[in-house]
Amino acid sequence: MSIHIDHNRCVGAGQCSLTAPRVFTQDDDGYSDLLPGHDPDDPMVREAARACPVRAITVREP
């Protein structure tokens, strides 16, 4: 599974990092970012994408 964050759409709501804290973090400006060494198959990744209020996260199967 691959995870893409559209940084142009992200508003820094933080729902992704609250939902899947082992995958997502927020950068110094408060915008979503992937943690180094994250597990793209974490079961909460899809829920985090659904929780994003601006749909900035896309999850794709290989």
C-alpha atoms as a PDB file:
ATOM      1  CA  MET A   1       0.000   0.000   0.000  1.00  0.00           C
ATOM      2  CA  SER A   2       1.256   3.503  -0.753  1.00  0.00           C
ATOM      3  CA  ILE A   3       0.314   6.692   1.049  1.00  0.00           C
ATOM      4  CA  HIS A   4       0.332  10.112  -0.575  1.00  0.00           C
ATOM      5  CA  ILE A   5      -0.246  13.438   1.193  1.00  0.00           C
ATOM      6  CA  ASP A   6      -1.279  16.363  -0.982  1.00  0.00           C
ATOM      7  CA  HIS A   7       0.577  19.114   0.849  1.00  0.00           C
ATOM      8  CA  ASN A   8      -1.255  21.751  -1.184  1.00  0.00           C
ATOM      9  CA  ARG A   9      -4.594  20.591   0.264  1.00  0.00           C
ATOM     10  CA  CYS A  10      -3.485  19.886   3.849  1.00  0.00           C
ATOM     11  CA  VAL A  11      -4.769  22.454   6.342  1.00  0.00           C
ATOM     12  CA  GLY A  12      -3.051  20.992   9.413  1.00  0.00           C
ATOM     13  CA  ALA A  13      -6.177  19.680  11.134  1.00  0.00           C
ATOM     14  CA  GLY A  14      -4.105  16.855  12.637  1.00  0.00           C
ATOM     15  CA  GLN A  15      -6.768  14.164  12.358  1.00  0.00           C
ATOM     16  CA  CYS A  16      -4.327  11.822  10.611  1.00  0.00           C
ATOM     17  CA  SER A  17      -1.717  12.006  13.365  1.00  0.00           C
ATOM     18  CA  LEU A  18      -4.404  11.538  16.008  1.00  0.00           C
ATOM     19  CA  THR A  19      -5.868   8.532  14.195  1.00  0.00           C
ATOM     20  CA  ALA A  20      -2.644   6.805  13.088  1.00  0.00           C
ATOM     21  CA  PRO A  21       0.193   8.217  15.229  1.00  0.00           C
ATOM     22  CA  ARG A  22       2.606   5.447  14.176  1.00  0.00           C
ATOM     23  CA  VAL A  23       2.319   6.566  10.548  1.00  0.00           C
ATOM     24  CA  PHE A  24       1.604  10.313  10.498  1.00  0.00           C
ATOM     25  CA  THR A  25       3.109  13.296  12.234  1.00  0.00           C
ATOM     26  CA  GLN A  26       2.886  17.042  11.805  1.00  0.00           C
ATOM     27  CA  ASP A  27       5.834  19.093  10.602  1.00  0.00           C
ATOM     28  CA  ASP A  28       7.077  22.285  12.265  1.00  0.00           C
ATOM     29  CA  ASP A  29       4.351  24.277  10.506  1.00  0.00           C
ATOM     30  CA  GLY A  30       1.619  21.878  11.644  1.00  0.00           C
ATOM     31  CA  TYR A  31       1.056  20.130   8.321  1.00  0.00           C
ATOM     32  CA  SER A  32       0.791  16.387   7.843  1.00  0.00           C
ATOM     33  CA  ASP A  33       3.867  14.319   7.106  1.00  0.00           C
ATOM     34  CA  LEU A  34       4.788  10.636   7.138  1.00  0.00           C
ATOM     35  CA  LEU A  35       6.982   9.344   9.921  1.00  0.00           C
ATOM     36  CA  PRO A  36      10.312   7.878   8.803  1.00  0.00           C
ATOM     37  CA  GLY A  37      10.093   4.103   8.813  1.00  0.00           C
ATOM     38  CA  HIS A  38       6.292   4.128   8.969  1.00  0.00           C
ATOM     39  CA  ASP A  39       4.326   0.959   8.261  1.00  0.00           C
ATOM     40  CA  PRO A  40       2.142   1.644   5.202  1.00  0.00           C
ATOM     41  CA  ASP A  41       0.067  -1.422   6.099  1.00  0.00           C
ATOM     42  CA  ASP A  42      -0.915  -0.080   9.527  1.00  0.00           C
ATOM     43  CA  PRO A  43      -4.627  -0.845   9.886  1.00  0.00           C
ATOM     44  CA  MET A  44      -5.391   2.759  10.869  1.00  0.00           C
ATOM     45  CA  VAL A  45      -4.027   4.334   7.663  1.00  0.00           C
ATOM     46  CA  ARG A  46      -7.331   4.090   5.790  1.00  0.00           C
ATOM     47  CA  GLU A  47      -9.220   5.479   8.777  1.00  0.00           C
ATOM     48  CA  ALA A  48      -6.791   8.399   8.938  1.00  0.00           C
ATOM     49  CA  ALA A  49      -7.409   9.127   5.249  1.00  0.00           C
ATOM     50  CA  ARG A  50     -11.172   9.082   5.878  1.00  0.00           C
ATOM     51  CA  ALA A  51     -10.754  11.374   8.896  1.00  0.00           C
ATOM     52  CA  CYS A  52      -8.971  14.073   6.884  1.00  0.00           C
ATOM     53  CA  PRO A  53     -11.447  16.952   6.526  1.00  0.00           C
ATOM     54  CA  VAL A  54      -9.969  18.100   3.189  1.00  0.00           C
ATOM     55  CA  ARG A  55      -9.191  14.643   1.763  1.00  0.00           C
ATOM     56  CA  ALA A  56      -5.485  15.385   1.461  1.00  0.00           C
ATOM     57  CA  ILE A  57      -4.466  11.739   2.032  1.00  0.00           C
ATOM     58  CA  THR A  58      -4.676   9.111  -0.691  1.00  0.00           C
ATOM     59  CA  VAL A  59      -4.098   5.421   0.006  1.00  0.00           C
ATOM     60  CA  ARG A  60      -3.405   3.156  -2.969  1.00  0.00           C
ATOM     61  CA  GLU A  61      -2.970  -0.557  -3.308  1.00  0.00           C
ATOM     62  CA  PRO A  62       0.169  -1.605  -5.216  1.00  0.00           C
END
